[in-house]
Amino acid sequence: MPEPARETKGAQLSIGALSRATGIPVETLRTWESRYGFPAPERRPSGHRLYSLSIVPRLRRVAEALARGHRAGQVVPASEADLRQLLAAAPPSRVASPPDSPSRATGDVPQLLRLVESFESDRLTHALLSASARLGPLAFLETVVAPLLRAVGEAWAKGRLQVRHEHFLSERLGDVLRSLRLPLEERADGPLVVLSTLPGEAHGLGLQMAALVVAFAGCRILYLGTETPVPDLVALTRDLGARALALSVSASGRKPRTAALVRHVRGMLPRRTALLVGGEGAPPPFPGVQVFADLRTLEGWVREIGRT
């Protein structure tokens, strides 16, 4: 296990400053803390994390090991001696991208697409989980999952892939997203957020992605899946005293009908319950409804809800 990192004396860094000093995304640092117990911060009464400056060299060595192809589960919990030995045993790569670089993440997509084409379930699952551990939830969704889904859609439009490939990826990816979300749900202690789609919306991957972001932001979630009847959706949200209702709308949704349904839902919800709507088929914003264009915007709103 890594050496204790809680030090209350000497220079200390915020999590953002630690990210800039090591080249490791904030999301990844948080994931490692929850999964491996490192880096372990000192917590201020405000809830802010502070890290000892002395852990920066070790985190840079971890990033170097990841850039050489080692897995996070192997190097993050390793002792300092084992980590140094691991780095000494193999020469550095000629081109070593940092673990969070967009070029490296984007480079995952052609390999993943080949695995989808050949229906290699185990290898695809392993590759997705490895990318998530390396990048953290948000970067994984933005730079791997979203581009992969676009690539599969484009390949289908060109006749390279069939519907069975899309269904295969949807099932595999759904399993991976659930496996990433459930441990976060167990630790979440923030306000309750209900997640669903509207009637007639059968596409659930966007909802799965949103649920992972909400859980990562520390909120408790109630995941209802797709096509929940509006009366049931509103009644459950109201009766449980949920702080927000989040709806996912795919590009297949008809925007005039979607806008009417969203207005109907907004009118039935308590005023204090936030209504968040996202996805390619989301309607234009209107009073009382937050329309999120991307997952980072959703995360920001959810964290703000948690503070109010």
C-alpha atoms as a PDB file:
ATOM      1  CA  MET A   1       0.000   0.000   0.000  1.00  0.00           C
ATOM      2  CA  PRO A   2       1.205   3.580  -0.579  1.00  0.00           C
ATOM      3  CA  GLU A   3       2.884   5.421   2.246  1.00  0.00           C
ATOM      4  CA  PRO A   4       0.623   7.618   4.398  1.00  0.00           C
ATOM      5  CA  ALA A   5      -0.042  10.915   2.653  1.00  0.00           C
ATOM      6  CA  ARG A   6      -1.871  12.846   5.365  1.00  0.00           C
ATOM      7  CA  GLU A   7       0.452  15.597   6.497  1.00  0.00           C
ATOM      8  CA  THR A   8      -0.786  18.671   8.243  1.00  0.00           C
ATOM      9  CA  LYS A   9       2.549  20.517   8.266  1.00  0.00           C
ATOM     10  CA  GLY A  10       4.453  22.118   5.417  1.00  0.00           C
ATOM     11  CA  ALA A  11       3.195  23.378   2.075  1.00  0.00           C
ATOM     12  CA  GLN A  12      -0.201  22.125   0.983  1.00  0.00           C
ATOM     13  CA  LEU A  13      -2.000  22.131  -2.359  1.00  0.00           C
ATOM     14  CA  SER A  14      -5.627  22.211  -3.385  1.00  0.00           C
ATOM     15  CA  ILE A  15      -6.771  19.340  -5.571  1.00  0.00           C
ATOM     16  CA  GLY A  16      -6.699  21.628  -8.602  1.00  0.00           C
ATOM     17  CA  ALA A  17      -3.128  22.707  -7.875  1.00  0.00           C
ATOM     18  CA  LEU A  18      -2.132  19.076  -7.333  1.00  0.00           C
ATOM     19  CA  SER A  19      -3.673  18.197 -10.696  1.00  0.00           C
ATOM     20  CA  ARG A  20      -1.709  20.949 -12.436  1.00  0.00           C
ATOM     21  CA  ALA A  21       1.526  19.934 -10.680  1.00  0.00           C
ATOM     22  CA  THR A  22       1.262  16.273 -11.693  1.00  0.00           C
ATOM     23  CA  GLY A  23      -0.667  16.319 -14.972  1.00  0.00           C
ATOM     24  CA  ILE A  24      -3.284  14.001 -13.466  1.00  0.00           C
ATOM     25  CA  PRO A  25      -6.955  15.072 -13.849  1.00  0.00           C
ATOM     26  CA  VAL A  26      -8.892  16.039 -10.736  1.00  0.00           C
ATOM     27  CA  GLU A  27     -11.446  13.318 -11.527  1.00  0.00           C
ATOM     28  CA  THR A  28      -8.705  10.702 -11.602  1.00  0.00           C
ATOM     29  CA  LEU A  29      -7.254  11.842  -8.262  1.00  0.00           C
ATOM     30  CA  ARG A  30     -10.691  11.532  -6.675  1.00  0.00           C
ATOM     31  CA  THR A  31     -11.203   8.093  -8.207  1.00  0.00           C
ATOM     32  CA  TRP A  32      -7.846   6.877  -6.880  1.00  0.00           C
ATOM     33  CA  GLU A  33      -8.624   8.269  -3.427  1.00  0.00           C
ATOM     34  CA  SER A  34     -11.914   6.369  -3.254  1.00  0.00           C
ATOM     35  CA  ARG A  35     -10.605   3.178  -4.868  1.00  0.00           C
ATOM     36  CA  TYR A  36      -7.061   2.895  -3.498  1.00  0.00           C
ATOM     37  CA  GLY A  37      -6.894   5.333  -0.570  1.00  0.00           C
ATOM     38  CA  PHE A  38      -4.211   7.408  -2.309  1.00  0.00           C
ATOM     39  CA  PRO A  39      -3.675  10.323  -2.498  1.00  0.00           C
ATOM     40  CA  ALA A  40      -5.321  10.843   0.898  1.00  0.00           C
ATOM     41  CA  PRO A  41      -6.057  14.508   1.666  1.00  0.00           C
ATOM     42  CA  GLU A  42      -6.495  16.490   4.807  1.00  0.00           C
ATOM     43  CA  ARG A  43     -10.100  17.702   4.943  1.00  0.00           C
ATOM     44  CA  ARG A  44     -10.894  21.252   5.970  1.00  0.00           C
ATOM     45  CA  PRO A  45     -14.210  21.961   7.775  1.00  0.00           C
ATOM     46  CA  SER A  46     -15.434  23.418   4.472  1.00  0.00           C
ATOM     47  CA  GLY A  47     -14.934  20.014   2.841  1.00  0.00           C
ATOM     48  CA  HIS A  48     -12.065  21.156   0.641  1.00  0.00           C
ATOM     49  CA  ARG A  49      -9.187  18.734   0.100  1.00  0.00           C
ATOM     50  CA  LEU A  50      -5.610  19.788   0.886  1.00  0.00           C
ATOM     51  CA  TYR A  51      -2.614  17.687  -0.113  1.00  0.00           C
ATOM     52  CA  SER A  52       0.979  17.719   1.095  1.00  0.00           C
ATOM     53  CA  LEU A  53       3.439  19.011  -1.458  1.00  0.00           C
ATOM     54  CA  SER A  54       5.617  15.988  -0.631  1.00  0.00           C
ATOM     55  CA  ILE A  55       3.343  13.576  -2.570  1.00  0.00           C
ATOM     56  CA  VAL A  56       3.896  15.344  -5.915  1.00  0.00           C
ATOM     57  CA  PRO A  57       7.051  13.338  -6.852  1.00  0.00           C
ATOM     58  CA  ARG A  58       5.303  10.051  -6.140  1.00  0.00           C
ATOM     59  CA  LEU A  59       2.258  10.996  -8.219  1.00  0.00           C
ATOM     60  CA  ARG A  60       4.541  11.963 -11.087  1.00  0.00           C
ATOM     61  CA  ARG A  61       6.141   8.522 -10.893  1.00  0.00           C
ATOM     62  CA  VAL A  62       2.676   6.946 -10.939  1.00  0.00           C
ATOM     63  CA  ALA A  63       1.803   8.995 -14.044  1.00  0.00           C
ATOM     64  CA  GLU A  64       5.061   7.896 -15.673  1.00  0.00           C
ATOM     65  CA  ALA A  65       4.289   4.241 -14.964  1.00  0.00           C
ATOM     66  CA  LEU A  66       0.813   4.616 -16.459  1.00  0.00           C
ATOM     67  CA  ALA A  67       2.269   6.279 -19.546  1.00  0.00           C
ATOM     68  CA  ARG A  68       4.504   3.214 -19.987  1.00  0.00           C
ATOM     69  CA  GLY A  69       1.459   0.971 -20.119  1.00  0.00           C
ATOM     70  CA  HIS A  70       1.106  -0.270 -16.533  1.00  0.00           C
ATOM     71  CA  ARG A  71      -2.386  -0.496 -15.007  1.00  0.00           C
ATOM     72  CA  ALA A  72      -3.649   1.868 -12.310  1.00  0.00           C
ATOM     73  CA  GLY A  73      -4.534  -1.061 -10.039  1.00  0.00           C
ATOM     74  CA  GLN A  74      -0.917  -2.158 -10.204  1.00  0.00           C
ATOM     75  CA  VAL A  75       0.903   1.128  -9.657  1.00  0.00           C
ATOM     76  CA  VAL A  76      -1.328   3.407  -7.551  1.00  0.00           C
ATOM     77  CA  PRO A  77      -1.440   1.113  -4.477  1.00  0.00           C
ATOM     78  CA  ALA A  78       2.194  -0.015  -4.914  1.00  0.00           C
ATOM     79  CA  SER A  79       4.787   0.799  -2.255  1.00  0.00           C
ATOM     80  CA  GLU A  80       7.363   3.465  -3.066  1.00  0.00           C
ATOM     81  CA  ALA A  81      10.076   0.814  -3.335  1.00  0.00           C
ATOM     82  CA  ASP A  82       7.992  -1.339  -5.696  1.00  0.00           C
ATOM     83  CA  LEU A  83       7.125   1.666  -7.837  1.00  0.00           C
ATOM     84  CA  ARG A  84      10.777   2.687  -8.192  1.00  0.00           C
ATOM     85  CA  GLN A  85      11.705  -0.899  -9.068  1.00  0.00           C
ATOM     86  CA  LEU A  86       8.926  -1.059 -11.652  1.00  0.00           C
ATOM     87  CA  LEU A  87      10.165   2.106 -13.346  1.00  0.00           C
ATOM     88  CA  ALA A  88      13.778   0.969 -13.260  1.00  0.00           C
ATOM     89  CA  ALA A  89      12.920  -2.376 -14.860  1.00  0.00           C
ATOM     90  CA  ALA A  90      11.656  -0.891 -18.133  1.00  0.00           C
ATOM     91  CA  PRO A  91      13.063   2.024 -20.137  1.00  0.00           C
ATOM     92  CA  PRO A  92      10.746   4.962 -20.795  1.00  0.00           C
ATOM     93  CA  SER A  93       8.820   5.007 -24.043  1.00  0.00           C
ATOM     94  CA  ARG A  94      10.094   7.292 -26.782  1.00  0.00           C
ATOM     95  CA  VAL A  95       6.750   9.049 -26.815  1.00  0.00           C
ATOM     96  CA  ALA A  96       5.012   8.949 -23.455  1.00  0.00           C
ATOM     97  CA  SER A  97       1.745  10.850 -23.324  1.00  0.00           C
ATOM     98  CA  PRO A  98       0.462  11.800 -19.867  1.00  0.00           C
ATOM     99  CA  PRO A  99      -2.399   9.603 -18.658  1.00  0.00           C
ATOM    100  CA  ASP A 100      -4.995  12.311 -19.203  1.00  0.00           C
ATOM    101  CA  SER A 101      -3.921  13.568 -22.624  1.00  0.00           C
ATOM    102  CA  PRO A 102      -6.768  13.881 -25.171  1.00  0.00           C
ATOM    103  CA  SER A 103      -4.578  12.320 -27.867  1.00  0.00           C
ATOM    104  CA  ARG A 104      -4.074   9.171 -25.836  1.00  0.00           C
ATOM    105  CA  ALA A 105      -7.752   8.897 -24.931  1.00  0.00           C
ATOM    106  CA  THR A 106      -8.853   9.485 -28.536  1.00  0.00           C
ATOM    107  CA  GLY A 107      -6.345   6.854 -29.586  1.00  0.00           C
ATOM    108  CA  ASP A 108      -8.342   4.258 -27.653  1.00  0.00           C
ATOM    109  CA  VAL A 109     -11.302   4.581 -30.010  1.00  0.00           C
ATOM    110  CA  PRO A 110      -9.966   2.757 -33.124  1.00  0.00           C
ATOM    111  CA  GLN A 111      -8.911  -0.206 -30.962  1.00  0.00           C
ATOM    112  CA  LEU A 112     -12.302  -0.257 -29.241  1.00  0.00           C
ATOM    113  CA  LEU A 113     -14.078  -0.041 -32.585  1.00  0.00           C
ATOM    114  CA  ARG A 114     -12.170  -3.102 -33.816  1.00  0.00           C
ATOM    115  CA  LEU A 115     -13.263  -4.996 -30.707  1.00  0.00           C
ATOM    116  CA  VAL A 116     -16.876  -4.031 -31.395  1.00  0.00           C
ATOM    117  CA  GLU A 117     -16.557  -5.180 -35.018  1.00  0.00           C
ATOM    118  CA  SER A 118     -15.284  -8.600 -33.917  1.00  0.00           C
ATOM    119  CA  PHE A 119     -17.675  -8.957 -30.922  1.00  0.00           C
ATOM    120  CA  GLU A 120     -14.829  -9.492 -28.441  1.00  0.00           C
ATOM    121  CA  SER A 121     -16.772  -9.054 -25.212  1.00  0.00           C
ATOM    122  CA  ASP A 122     -14.075  -9.701 -22.621  1.00  0.00           C
ATOM    123  CA  ARG A 123     -11.394  -7.632 -24.342  1.00  0.00           C
ATOM    124  CA  LEU A 124     -13.821  -4.763 -24.917  1.00  0.00           C
ATOM    125  CA  THR A 125     -14.895  -4.745 -21.273  1.00  0.00           C
ATOM    126  CA  HIS A 126     -11.285  -4.861 -20.081  1.00  0.00           C
ATOM    127  CA  ALA A 127     -10.269  -2.029 -22.416  1.00  0.00           C
ATOM    128  CA  LEU A 128     -13.166   0.169 -21.292  1.00  0.00           C
ATOM    129  CA  LEU A 129     -12.463  -0.428 -17.602  1.00  0.00           C
ATOM    130  CA  SER A 130      -8.751   0.268 -18.111  1.00  0.00           C
ATOM    131  CA  ALA A 131      -9.507   3.548 -19.871  1.00  0.00           C
ATOM    132  CA  SER A 132     -11.857   4.565 -17.079  1.00  0.00           C
ATOM    133  CA  ALA A 133      -9.281   3.821 -14.378  1.00  0.00           C
ATOM    134  CA  ARG A 134      -6.678   5.839 -16.257  1.00  0.00           C
ATOM    135  CA  LEU A 135      -8.835   8.844 -17.059  1.00  0.00           C
ATOM    136  CA  GLY A 136     -11.468   9.134 -14.336  1.00  0.00           C
ATOM    137  CA  PRO A 137     -15.252   9.134 -14.961  1.00  0.00           C
ATOM    138  CA  LEU A 138     -15.744  12.485 -16.711  1.00  0.00           C
ATOM    139  CA  ALA A 139     -12.764  12.308 -19.039  1.00  0.00           C
ATOM    140  CA  PHE A 140     -13.636   8.674 -19.803  1.00  0.00           C
ATOM    141  CA  LEU A 141     -17.148   9.662 -20.863  1.00  0.00           C
ATOM    142  CA  GLU A 142     -16.017  12.696 -22.858  1.00  0.00           C
ATOM    143  CA  THR A 143     -12.942  11.350 -24.632  1.00  0.00           C
ATOM    144  CA  VAL A 144     -13.687   7.615 -24.954  1.00  0.00           C
ATOM    145  CA  VAL A 145     -17.388   6.775 -24.628  1.00  0.00           C
ATOM    146  CA  ALA A 146     -18.852   9.673 -26.624  1.00  0.00           C
ATOM    147  CA  PRO A 147     -16.323   9.391 -29.511  1.00  0.00           C
ATOM    148  CA  LEU A 148     -16.787   5.607 -29.606  1.00  0.00           C
ATOM    149  CA  LEU A 149     -20.556   5.947 -29.886  1.00  0.00           C
ATOM    150  CA  ARG A 150     -20.124   8.494 -32.693  1.00  0.00           C
ATOM    151  CA  ALA A 151     -17.660   6.199 -34.477  1.00  0.00           C
ATOM    152  CA  VAL A 152     -20.070   3.256 -34.285  1.00  0.00           C
ATOM    153  CA  GLY A 153     -22.894   5.448 -35.601  1.00  0.00           C
ATOM    154  CA  GLU A 154     -20.779   6.639 -38.518  1.00  0.00           C
ATOM    155  CA  ALA A 155     -19.644   3.081 -39.313  1.00  0.00           C
ATOM    156  CA  TRP A 156     -23.272   1.950 -39.280  1.00  0.00           C
ATOM    157  CA  ALA A 157     -24.262   4.786 -41.645  1.00  0.00           C
ATOM    158  CA  LYS A 158     -21.496   3.710 -44.058  1.00  0.00           C
ATOM    159  CA  GLY A 159     -22.562   0.076 -43.963  1.00  0.00           C
ATOM    160  CA  ARG A 160     -19.467  -1.167 -42.113  1.00  0.00           C
ATOM    161  CA  LEU A 161     -21.446  -2.156 -39.033  1.00  0.00           C
ATOM    162  CA  GLN A 162     -24.932  -3.519 -38.504  1.00  0.00           C
ATOM    163  CA  VAL A 163     -27.552  -3.038 -35.829  1.00  0.00           C
ATOM    164  CA  ARG A 164     -26.218  -6.072 -33.985  1.00  0.00           C
ATOM    165  CA  HIS A 165     -22.913  -4.265 -33.447  1.00  0.00           C
ATOM    166  CA  GLU A 166     -24.712  -1.272 -31.942  1.00  0.00           C
ATOM    167  CA  HIS A 167     -26.740  -3.523 -29.634  1.00  0.00           C
ATOM    168  CA  PHE A 168     -23.607  -5.402 -28.592  1.00  0.00           C
ATOM    169  CA  LEU A 169     -21.799  -2.181 -27.674  1.00  0.00           C
ATOM    170  CA  SER A 170     -24.834  -0.797 -25.860  1.00  0.00           C
ATOM    171  CA  GLU A 171     -25.064  -3.854 -23.627  1.00  0.00           C
ATOM    172  CA  ARG A 172     -21.324  -4.007 -22.919  1.00  0.00           C
ATOM    173  CA  LEU A 173     -21.087  -0.290 -22.268  1.00  0.00           C
ATOM    174  CA  GLY A 174     -24.179  -0.340 -20.081  1.00  0.00           C
ATOM    175  CA  ASP A 175     -22.603  -3.050 -17.917  1.00  0.00           C
ATOM    176  CA  VAL A 176     -19.378  -1.044 -17.594  1.00  0.00           C
ATOM    177  CA  LEU A 177     -21.160   2.196 -16.700  1.00  0.00           C
ATOM    178  CA  ARG A 178     -23.212   0.415 -14.048  1.00  0.00           C
ATOM    179  CA  SER A 179     -20.108  -1.181 -12.548  1.00  0.00           C
ATOM    180  CA  LEU A 180     -18.464   2.240 -12.316  1.00  0.00           C
ATOM    181  CA  ARG A 181     -21.554   3.910 -10.847  1.00  0.00           C
ATOM    182  CA  LEU A 182     -22.584   1.467  -8.127  1.00  0.00           C
ATOM    183  CA  PRO A 183     -19.537   1.968  -5.851  1.00  0.00           C
ATOM    184  CA  LEU A 184     -20.041   5.727  -6.130  1.00  0.00           C
ATOM    185  CA  GLU A 185     -23.697   5.325  -5.191  1.00  0.00           C
ATOM    186  CA  GLU A 186     -22.743   3.443  -2.040  1.00  0.00           C
ATOM    187  CA  ARG A 187     -20.603   6.371  -0.829  1.00  0.00           C
ATOM    188  CA  ALA A 188     -22.843   9.219  -2.016  1.00  0.00           C
ATOM    189  CA  ASP A 189     -24.447  11.265   0.748  1.00  0.00           C
ATOM    190  CA  GLY A 190     -25.726  14.311  -1.133  1.00  0.00           C
ATOM    191  CA  PRO A 191     -29.288  15.233  -2.105  1.00  0.00           C
ATOM    192  CA  LEU A 192     -31.409  12.719  -4.009  1.00  0.00           C
ATOM    193  CA  VAL A 193     -31.613  13.022  -7.805  1.00  0.00           C
ATOM    194  CA  VAL A 194     -34.114  10.950  -9.810  1.00  0.00           C
ATOM    195  CA  LEU A 195     -33.037   9.947 -13.338  1.00  0.00           C
ATOM    196  CA  SER A 196     -35.256   8.744 -16.147  1.00  0.00           C
ATOM    197  CA  THR A 197     -36.348   9.277 -19.728  1.00  0.00           C
ATOM    198  CA  LEU A 198     -39.742  10.403 -20.945  1.00  0.00           C
ATOM    199  CA  PRO A 199     -42.352   8.022 -22.385  1.00  0.00           C
ATOM    200  CA  GLY A 200     -41.382   6.939 -25.889  1.00  0.00           C
ATOM    201  CA  GLU A 201     -37.642   7.383 -25.239  1.00  0.00           C
ATOM    202  CA  ALA A 202     -36.085   3.912 -25.300  1.00  0.00           C
ATOM    203  CA  HIS A 203     -32.426   4.935 -25.574  1.00  0.00           C
ATOM    204  CA  GLY A 204     -30.753   4.532 -22.197  1.00  0.00           C
ATOM    205  CA  LEU A 205     -27.005   5.041 -22.692  1.00  0.00           C
ATOM    206  CA  GLY A 206     -27.226   8.810 -22.334  1.00  0.00           C
ATOM    207  CA  LEU A 207     -29.122   8.299 -19.095  1.00  0.00           C
ATOM    208  CA  GLN A 208     -26.474   5.860 -17.872  1.00  0.00           C
ATOM    209  CA  MET A 209     -23.767   8.425 -18.612  1.00  0.00           C
ATOM    210  CA  ALA A 210     -25.692  11.135 -16.766  1.00  0.00           C
ATOM    211  CA  ALA A 211     -26.242   8.817 -13.787  1.00  0.00           C
ATOM    212  CA  LEU A 212     -22.500   8.173 -13.522  1.00  0.00           C
ATOM    213  CA  VAL A 213     -21.822  11.922 -13.501  1.00  0.00           C
ATOM    214  CA  VAL A 214     -24.467  12.563 -10.829  1.00  0.00           C
ATOM    215  CA  ALA A 215     -23.116   9.794  -8.593  1.00  0.00           C
ATOM    216  CA  PHE A 216     -19.555  11.027  -9.152  1.00  0.00           C
ATOM    217  CA  ALA A 217     -20.680  14.489  -8.020  1.00  0.00           C
ATOM    218  CA  GLY A 218     -21.695  12.941  -4.683  1.00  0.00           C
ATOM    219  CA  CYS A 219     -25.470  12.917  -4.997  1.00  0.00           C
ATOM    220  CA  ARG A 220     -27.648   9.950  -4.138  1.00  0.00           C
ATOM    221  CA  ILE A 221     -29.531   8.717  -7.170  1.00  0.00           C
ATOM    222  CA  LEU A 222     -32.701   6.845  -7.972  1.00  0.00           C
ATOM    223  CA  TYR A 223     -32.247   5.373 -11.436  1.00  0.00           C
ATOM    224  CA  LEU A 224     -35.606   4.583 -13.037  1.00  0.00           C
ATOM    225  CA  GLY A 225     -34.394   3.657 -16.525  1.00  0.00           C
ATOM    226  CA  THR A 226     -36.276   4.446 -19.710  1.00  0.00           C
ATOM    227  CA  GLU A 227     -39.867   5.314 -20.593  1.00  0.00           C
ATOM    228  CA  THR A 228     -41.251   6.022 -17.123  1.00  0.00           C
ATOM    229  CA  PRO A 229     -44.878   7.251 -17.261  1.00  0.00           C
ATOM    230  CA  VAL A 230     -45.031  10.930 -16.350  1.00  0.00           C
ATOM    231  CA  PRO A 231     -47.543  10.588 -13.444  1.00  0.00           C
ATOM    232  CA  ASP A 232     -45.372   7.896 -11.832  1.00  0.00           C
ATOM    233  CA  LEU A 233     -42.207   9.880 -12.430  1.00  0.00           C
ATOM    234  CA  VAL A 234     -43.580  13.052 -10.888  1.00  0.00           C
ATOM    235  CA  ALA A 235     -45.265  11.279  -7.952  1.00  0.00           C
ATOM    236  CA  LEU A 236     -42.116   9.388  -7.034  1.00  0.00           C
ATOM    237  CA  THR A 237     -39.919  12.482  -7.302  1.00  0.00           C
ATOM    238  CA  ARG A 238     -42.332  14.464  -5.142  1.00  0.00           C
ATOM    239  CA  ASP A 239     -43.007  11.754  -2.542  1.00  0.00           C
ATOM    240  CA  LEU A 240     -39.309  11.054  -1.973  1.00  0.00           C
ATOM    241  CA  GLY A 241     -38.518  14.753  -1.635  1.00  0.00           C
ATOM    242  CA  ALA A 242     -35.902  14.526  -4.406  1.00  0.00           C
ATOM    243  CA  ARG A 243     -33.863  17.672  -4.932  1.00  0.00           C
ATOM    244  CA  ALA A 244     -33.802  17.238  -8.709  1.00  0.00           C
ATOM    245  CA  LEU A 245     -35.212  15.252 -11.594  1.00  0.00           C
ATOM    246  CA  ALA A 246     -32.858  14.615 -14.528  1.00  0.00           C
ATOM    247  CA  LEU A 247     -34.213  13.573 -17.929  1.00  0.00           C
ATOM    248  CA  SER A 248     -32.196  12.270 -20.884  1.00  0.00           C
ATOM    249  CA  VAL A 249     -33.471  12.867 -24.422  1.00  0.00           C
ATOM    250  CA  SER A 250     -31.778  11.280 -27.442  1.00  0.00           C
ATOM    251  CA  ALA A 251     -31.635  12.699 -30.958  1.00  0.00           C
ATOM    252  CA  SER A 252     -34.508  10.396 -31.954  1.00  0.00           C
ATOM    253  CA  GLY A 253     -36.942  12.399 -29.830  1.00  0.00           C
ATOM    254  CA  ARG A 254     -39.324  14.838 -31.537  1.00  0.00           C
ATOM    255  CA  LYS A 255     -38.482  18.218 -30.098  1.00  0.00           C
ATOM    256  CA  PRO A 256     -41.978  19.807 -30.180  1.00  0.00           C
ATOM    257  CA  ARG A 257     -43.437  16.792 -28.334  1.00  0.00           C
ATOM    258  CA  THR A 258     -40.445  16.674 -25.982  1.00  0.00           C
ATOM    259  CA  ALA A 259     -40.760  20.375 -25.159  1.00  0.00           C
ATOM    260  CA  ALA A 260     -44.467  19.936 -24.382  1.00  0.00           C
ATOM    261  CA  LEU A 261     -43.781  16.962 -22.120  1.00  0.00           C
ATOM    262  CA  VAL A 262     -40.989  18.783 -20.302  1.00  0.00           C
ATOM    263  CA  ARG A 263     -43.267  21.780 -19.685  1.00  0.00           C
ATOM    264  CA  HIS A 264     -45.931  19.400 -18.402  1.00  0.00           C
ATOM    265  CA  VAL A 265     -43.489  17.759 -16.008  1.00  0.00           C
ATOM    266  CA  ARG A 266     -42.213  21.130 -14.796  1.00  0.00           C
ATOM    267  CA  GLY A 267     -45.748  22.236 -14.009  1.00  0.00           C
ATOM    268  CA  MET A 268     -46.404  19.142 -11.908  1.00  0.00           C
ATOM    269  CA  LEU A 269     -43.181  19.230  -9.882  1.00  0.00           C
ATOM    270  CA  PRO A 270     -42.746  21.202  -6.647  1.00  0.00           C
ATOM    271  CA  ARG A 271     -41.108  24.571  -7.245  1.00  0.00           C
ATOM    272  CA  ARG A 272     -37.991  23.695  -5.226  1.00  0.00           C
ATOM    273  CA  THR A 273     -37.336  20.542  -7.294  1.00  0.00           C
ATOM    274  CA  ALA A 274     -34.816  21.286 -10.035  1.00  0.00           C
ATOM    275  CA  LEU A 275     -35.552  19.885 -13.494  1.00  0.00           C
ATOM    276  CA  LEU A 276     -32.459  19.026 -15.551  1.00  0.00           C
ATOM    277  CA  VAL A 277     -32.776  17.979 -19.188  1.00  0.00           C
ATOM    278  CA  GLY A 278     -29.943  16.907 -21.474  1.00  0.00           C
ATOM    279  CA  GLY A 279     -29.101  15.018 -24.646  1.00  0.00           C
ATOM    280  CA  GLU A 280     -29.101  15.739 -28.355  1.00  0.00           C
ATOM    281  CA  GLY A 281     -32.900  15.886 -28.416  1.00  0.00           C
ATOM    282  CA  ALA A 282     -33.273  18.303 -25.495  1.00  0.00           C
ATOM    283  CA  PRO A 283     -35.547  21.304 -26.122  1.00  0.00           C
ATOM    284  CA  PRO A 284     -34.363  24.926 -25.841  1.00  0.00           C
ATOM    285  CA  PRO A 285     -34.092  26.253 -22.266  1.00  0.00           C
ATOM    286  CA  PHE A 286     -37.101  27.889 -20.658  1.00  0.00           C
ATOM    287  CA  PRO A 287     -37.852  29.184 -17.138  1.00  0.00           C
ATOM    288  CA  GLY A 288     -37.601  26.540 -14.429  1.00  0.00           C
ATOM    289  CA  VAL A 289     -35.695  24.058 -16.615  1.00  0.00           C
ATOM    290  CA  GLN A 290     -31.927  23.661 -16.809  1.00  0.00           C
ATOM    291  CA  VAL A 291     -30.849  22.249 -20.177  1.00  0.00           C
ATOM    292  CA  PHE A 292     -27.309  20.865 -20.055  1.00  0.00           C
ATOM    293  CA  ALA A 293     -25.369  20.677 -23.299  1.00  0.00           C
ATOM    294  CA  ASP A 294     -22.561  18.530 -21.935  1.00  0.00           C
ATOM    295  CA  LEU A 295     -21.710  16.347 -18.968  1.00  0.00           C
ATOM    296  CA  ARG A 296     -19.403  18.859 -17.292  1.00  0.00           C
ATOM    297  CA  THR A 297     -22.251  21.362 -17.195  1.00  0.00           C
ATOM    298  CA  LEU A 298     -24.430  18.681 -15.607  1.00  0.00           C
ATOM    299  CA  GLU A 299     -21.751  17.981 -13.000  1.00  0.00           C
ATOM    300  CA  GLY A 300     -21.506  21.688 -12.171  1.00  0.00           C
ATOM    301  CA  TRP A 301     -25.255  22.017 -11.685  1.00  0.00           C
ATOM    302  CA  VAL A 302     -25.454  18.868  -9.580  1.00  0.00           C
ATOM    303  CA  ARG A 303     -22.621  20.038  -7.317  1.00  0.00           C
ATOM    304  CA  GLU A 304     -24.382  23.396  -6.969  1.00  0.00           C
ATOM    305  CA  ILE A 305     -27.597  21.596  -6.025  1.00  0.00           C
ATOM    306  CA  GLY A 306     -25.645  19.724  -3.387  1.00  0.00           C
ATOM    307  CA  ARG A 307     -24.573  22.998  -1.801  1.00  0.00           C
ATOM    308  CA  THR A 308     -28.071  24.480  -1.635  1.00  0.00           C
END
